[in-house]
N, C-alpha and C. Protein backbone atom coordinates (compact mmCIF):
# COMPACT_ATOMS: atom_id res chain seq x y z
N MET A 1 13.62 -9.07 2.90
CA MET A 1 12.49 -9.78 2.38
C MET A 1 11.60 -8.80 1.61
N TYR A 2 10.79 -9.36 0.74
CA TYR A 2 9.95 -8.57 -0.14
C TYR A 2 8.51 -9.03 -0.06
N LEU A 3 7.60 -8.13 -0.44
CA LEU A 3 6.18 -8.42 -0.44
C LEU A 3 5.61 -8.12 -1.82
N ASN A 4 4.98 -9.13 -2.42
CA ASN A 4 4.31 -8.95 -3.70
C ASN A 4 2.92 -8.40 -3.40
N ILE A 5 2.64 -7.18 -3.89
CA ILE A 5 1.35 -6.56 -3.60
C ILE A 5 0.38 -6.66 -4.76
N GLY A 6 0.78 -7.37 -5.81
CA GLY A 6 -0.08 -7.56 -6.97
C GLY A 6 0.49 -6.92 -8.21
N SER A 7 0.02 -7.38 -9.36
CA SER A 7 0.46 -6.86 -10.67
C SER A 7 1.97 -6.85 -10.81
N ASP A 8 2.62 -7.87 -10.27
CA ASP A 8 4.08 -8.02 -10.35
C ASP A 8 4.84 -6.86 -9.73
N ILE A 9 4.24 -6.18 -8.76
CA ILE A 9 4.93 -5.12 -8.03
C ILE A 9 5.34 -5.66 -6.68
N ILE A 10 6.62 -5.48 -6.37
CA ILE A 10 7.19 -6.01 -5.14
C ILE A 10 7.82 -4.85 -4.36
N VAL A 11 7.56 -4.80 -3.05
CA VAL A 11 8.15 -3.78 -2.20
C VAL A 11 8.94 -4.46 -1.09
N ARG A 12 9.95 -3.74 -0.59
CA ARG A 12 10.72 -4.28 0.52
C ARG A 12 9.90 -4.17 1.80
N LYS A 13 9.87 -5.25 2.58
CA LYS A 13 9.07 -5.27 3.80
C LYS A 13 9.51 -4.19 4.78
N ARG A 14 10.81 -3.94 4.88
CA ARG A 14 11.26 -2.95 5.85
C ARG A 14 10.92 -1.51 5.46
N ASP A 15 10.50 -1.31 4.21
CA ASP A 15 10.08 0.01 3.76
C ASP A 15 8.61 0.30 4.06
N ILE A 16 7.87 -0.75 4.44
CA ILE A 16 6.42 -0.61 4.64
C ILE A 16 6.14 0.11 5.96
N ILE A 17 5.35 1.17 5.87
CA ILE A 17 4.89 1.90 7.05
C ILE A 17 3.55 1.33 7.50
N GLY A 18 2.69 1.01 6.53
CA GLY A 18 1.39 0.46 6.89
C GLY A 18 0.66 -0.13 5.71
N ILE A 19 -0.25 -1.03 6.03
CA ILE A 19 -1.13 -1.65 5.04
C ILE A 19 -2.55 -1.30 5.48
N PHE A 20 -3.31 -0.66 4.59
CA PHE A 20 -4.60 -0.11 4.97
C PHE A 20 -5.72 -0.63 4.08
N ASP A 21 -6.87 -0.85 4.70
CA ASP A 21 -8.07 -1.26 3.98
C ASP A 21 -8.69 -0.02 3.35
N MET A 22 -8.98 -0.08 2.08
CA MET A 22 -9.49 1.08 1.35
C MET A 22 -10.85 1.52 1.89
N ASP A 23 -11.75 0.58 2.15
CA ASP A 23 -13.09 0.94 2.62
C ASP A 23 -13.07 1.60 3.99
N ASN A 24 -12.29 1.06 4.90
CA ASN A 24 -12.28 1.59 6.27
C ASN A 24 -11.58 2.94 6.38
N THR A 25 -10.49 3.13 5.67
CA THR A 25 -9.74 4.37 5.83
C THR A 25 -10.30 5.54 5.04
N THR A 26 -11.06 5.26 4.01
CA THR A 26 -11.59 6.37 3.22
C THR A 26 -12.83 7.01 3.86
N VAL A 27 -13.31 6.46 4.95
CA VAL A 27 -14.43 7.08 5.65
C VAL A 27 -13.96 7.94 6.82
N SER A 28 -12.71 7.78 7.24
CA SER A 28 -12.19 8.59 8.34
C SER A 28 -11.72 9.95 7.81
N ARG A 29 -11.66 10.92 8.69
CA ARG A 29 -11.24 12.27 8.31
C ARG A 29 -9.82 12.28 7.78
N LEU A 30 -8.91 11.57 8.44
CA LEU A 30 -7.52 11.54 7.99
C LEU A 30 -7.36 10.79 6.67
N GLY A 31 -8.10 9.70 6.54
CA GLY A 31 -8.04 8.93 5.30
C GLY A 31 -8.56 9.72 4.12
N LYS A 32 -9.62 10.48 4.35
CA LYS A 32 -10.20 11.30 3.29
C LYS A 32 -9.22 12.37 2.82
N SER A 33 -8.39 12.87 3.72
CA SER A 33 -7.45 13.93 3.32
C SER A 33 -6.13 13.36 2.80
N PHE A 34 -5.73 12.18 3.28
CA PHE A 34 -4.42 11.63 2.89
C PHE A 34 -4.36 11.23 1.42
N LEU A 35 -5.32 10.46 0.95
CA LEU A 35 -5.26 9.95 -0.41
C LEU A 35 -5.33 11.05 -1.48
N PRO A 36 -6.18 12.06 -1.35
CA PRO A 36 -6.14 13.14 -2.34
C PRO A 36 -4.81 13.90 -2.35
N LYS A 37 -4.21 14.09 -1.17
CA LYS A 37 -2.90 14.75 -1.11
C LYS A 37 -1.84 13.90 -1.78
N ALA A 38 -1.90 12.59 -1.56
CA ALA A 38 -0.95 11.68 -2.19
C ALA A 38 -1.11 11.69 -3.70
N GLN A 39 -2.34 11.77 -4.16
CA GLN A 39 -2.58 11.81 -5.60
C GLN A 39 -2.05 13.11 -6.21
N ARG A 40 -2.29 14.22 -5.54
CA ARG A 40 -1.77 15.50 -6.03
C ARG A 40 -0.25 15.51 -6.03
N GLY A 41 0.35 14.81 -5.06
CA GLY A 41 1.81 14.74 -4.96
C GLY A 41 2.43 13.77 -5.94
N GLY A 42 1.60 13.00 -6.63
CA GLY A 42 2.11 12.06 -7.63
C GLY A 42 2.85 10.87 -7.04
N ILE A 43 2.49 10.48 -5.81
CA ILE A 43 3.21 9.38 -5.17
C ILE A 43 2.42 8.07 -5.18
N ILE A 44 1.27 8.05 -5.86
CA ILE A 44 0.46 6.84 -5.92
C ILE A 44 0.87 5.99 -7.12
N ILE A 45 1.06 4.71 -6.85
CA ILE A 45 1.37 3.73 -7.89
C ILE A 45 0.23 2.71 -7.89
N ASP A 46 -0.43 2.57 -9.01
CA ASP A 46 -1.60 1.70 -9.09
C ASP A 46 -1.19 0.29 -9.48
N ALA A 47 -1.21 -0.61 -8.50
CA ALA A 47 -0.93 -2.02 -8.76
C ALA A 47 -2.22 -2.81 -8.82
N ALA A 48 -3.35 -2.12 -8.68
CA ALA A 48 -4.64 -2.81 -8.63
C ALA A 48 -5.18 -3.10 -10.02
N GLY A 49 -5.01 -2.16 -10.93
CA GLY A 49 -5.57 -2.34 -12.25
C GLY A 49 -7.06 -2.05 -12.28
N ASP A 50 -7.79 -2.55 -11.32
CA ASP A 50 -9.23 -2.32 -11.19
C ASP A 50 -9.49 -1.49 -9.94
N LEU A 51 -10.56 -1.80 -9.28
CA LEU A 51 -10.91 -1.13 -8.05
C LEU A 51 -10.00 -1.63 -6.92
N PRO A 52 -9.24 -0.74 -6.27
CA PRO A 52 -8.33 -1.19 -5.21
C PRO A 52 -9.08 -1.57 -3.94
N LYS A 53 -8.58 -2.61 -3.28
CA LYS A 53 -9.16 -3.05 -2.01
C LYS A 53 -8.34 -2.54 -0.82
N SER A 54 -7.07 -2.24 -1.09
CA SER A 54 -6.18 -1.79 -0.02
C SER A 54 -5.09 -0.91 -0.61
N TYR A 55 -4.32 -0.31 0.29
CA TYR A 55 -3.14 0.42 -0.16
C TYR A 55 -2.02 0.25 0.85
N VAL A 56 -0.80 0.31 0.34
CA VAL A 56 0.40 0.10 1.14
C VAL A 56 1.22 1.40 1.07
N VAL A 57 1.58 1.93 2.23
CA VAL A 57 2.39 3.14 2.30
C VAL A 57 3.81 2.73 2.63
N THR A 58 4.77 3.22 1.84
CA THR A 58 6.17 2.89 2.06
C THR A 58 7.02 4.16 2.08
N VAL A 59 8.18 4.05 2.71
CA VAL A 59 9.21 5.07 2.62
C VAL A 59 10.47 4.33 2.22
N GLY A 60 11.01 4.68 1.05
CA GLY A 60 12.17 3.99 0.50
C GLY A 60 13.48 4.51 1.05
N ARG A 61 14.55 3.92 0.57
CA ARG A 61 15.90 4.34 0.97
C ARG A 61 16.15 5.81 0.66
N ASP A 62 15.51 6.27 -0.41
CA ASP A 62 15.69 7.65 -0.83
C ASP A 62 14.87 8.63 0.02
N GLY A 63 14.08 8.10 0.96
CA GLY A 63 13.26 8.92 1.83
C GLY A 63 11.94 9.32 1.21
N GLU A 64 11.66 8.85 0.01
CA GLU A 64 10.43 9.18 -0.69
C GLU A 64 9.28 8.29 -0.21
N THR A 65 8.16 8.91 0.07
CA THR A 65 6.95 8.18 0.43
C THR A 65 6.23 7.78 -0.84
N ARG A 66 5.74 6.54 -0.86
CA ARG A 66 4.96 6.04 -2.00
C ARG A 66 3.73 5.32 -1.48
N VAL A 67 2.66 5.40 -2.24
CA VAL A 67 1.41 4.73 -1.90
C VAL A 67 1.08 3.79 -3.05
N TYR A 68 0.97 2.51 -2.74
CA TYR A 68 0.67 1.49 -3.74
C TYR A 68 -0.76 1.01 -3.56
N PHE A 69 -1.59 1.18 -4.58
CA PHE A 69 -2.93 0.62 -4.55
C PHE A 69 -2.83 -0.85 -4.93
N SER A 70 -3.57 -1.71 -4.20
CA SER A 70 -3.53 -3.14 -4.46
C SER A 70 -4.94 -3.70 -4.59
N SER A 71 -5.09 -4.69 -5.45
CA SER A 71 -6.38 -5.36 -5.59
C SER A 71 -6.55 -6.46 -4.54
N LEU A 72 -5.51 -6.70 -3.75
CA LEU A 72 -5.57 -7.71 -2.69
C LEU A 72 -6.08 -7.07 -1.39
N ALA A 73 -6.79 -7.85 -0.60
CA ALA A 73 -7.31 -7.36 0.68
C ALA A 73 -6.17 -7.10 1.65
N SER A 74 -6.37 -6.15 2.53
CA SER A 74 -5.34 -5.78 3.50
C SER A 74 -4.97 -6.96 4.40
N LYS A 75 -5.92 -7.82 4.74
CA LYS A 75 -5.64 -8.98 5.58
C LYS A 75 -4.70 -9.96 4.87
N ILE A 76 -4.89 -10.12 3.57
CA ILE A 76 -4.02 -11.01 2.79
C ILE A 76 -2.61 -10.44 2.74
N LEU A 77 -2.50 -9.14 2.48
CA LEU A 77 -1.18 -8.51 2.43
C LEU A 77 -0.47 -8.57 3.78
N ALA A 78 -1.23 -8.33 4.85
CA ALA A 78 -0.63 -8.40 6.19
C ALA A 78 -0.14 -9.80 6.50
N ARG A 79 -0.92 -10.81 6.11
CA ARG A 79 -0.50 -12.20 6.33
C ARG A 79 0.76 -12.50 5.54
N ARG A 80 0.81 -12.05 4.29
CA ARG A 80 2.01 -12.26 3.47
C ARG A 80 3.22 -11.56 4.08
N ALA A 81 3.00 -10.38 4.63
CA ALA A 81 4.11 -9.61 5.20
C ALA A 81 4.68 -10.25 6.46
N THR A 82 3.84 -10.94 7.22
CA THR A 82 4.31 -11.55 8.47
C THR A 82 4.77 -12.99 8.31
N THR A 83 4.48 -13.60 7.18
CA THR A 83 4.89 -14.97 6.94
C THR A 83 6.29 -14.98 6.35
N SER A 84 7.17 -15.76 6.95
CA SER A 84 8.51 -15.88 6.38
C SER A 84 8.73 -17.26 5.83
N ILE A 85 9.37 -17.29 4.70
CA ILE A 85 9.71 -18.55 4.06
C ILE A 85 11.18 -18.81 4.32
N ILE A 86 11.48 -19.99 4.84
CA ILE A 86 12.88 -20.33 5.17
C ILE A 86 13.48 -21.10 4.02
């Protein structure tokens, strides 16, 4: 199954490590250090276009970690990730 995180970017659900709220995680010590390191590493993909509300961390089949910025709220993405369409 796949998750549309915005701007026509789709990620595989099984690759998702976590869905994080931008406001809450950027005030913590770990959040403050993680995103700048990810940016320096070139692993951030901007699907937000504008100001991101959340970000999704994935590890793909190739073992590469990627961080996707999304304009959708983390609660919306989490709901989409747990809802299955039959």
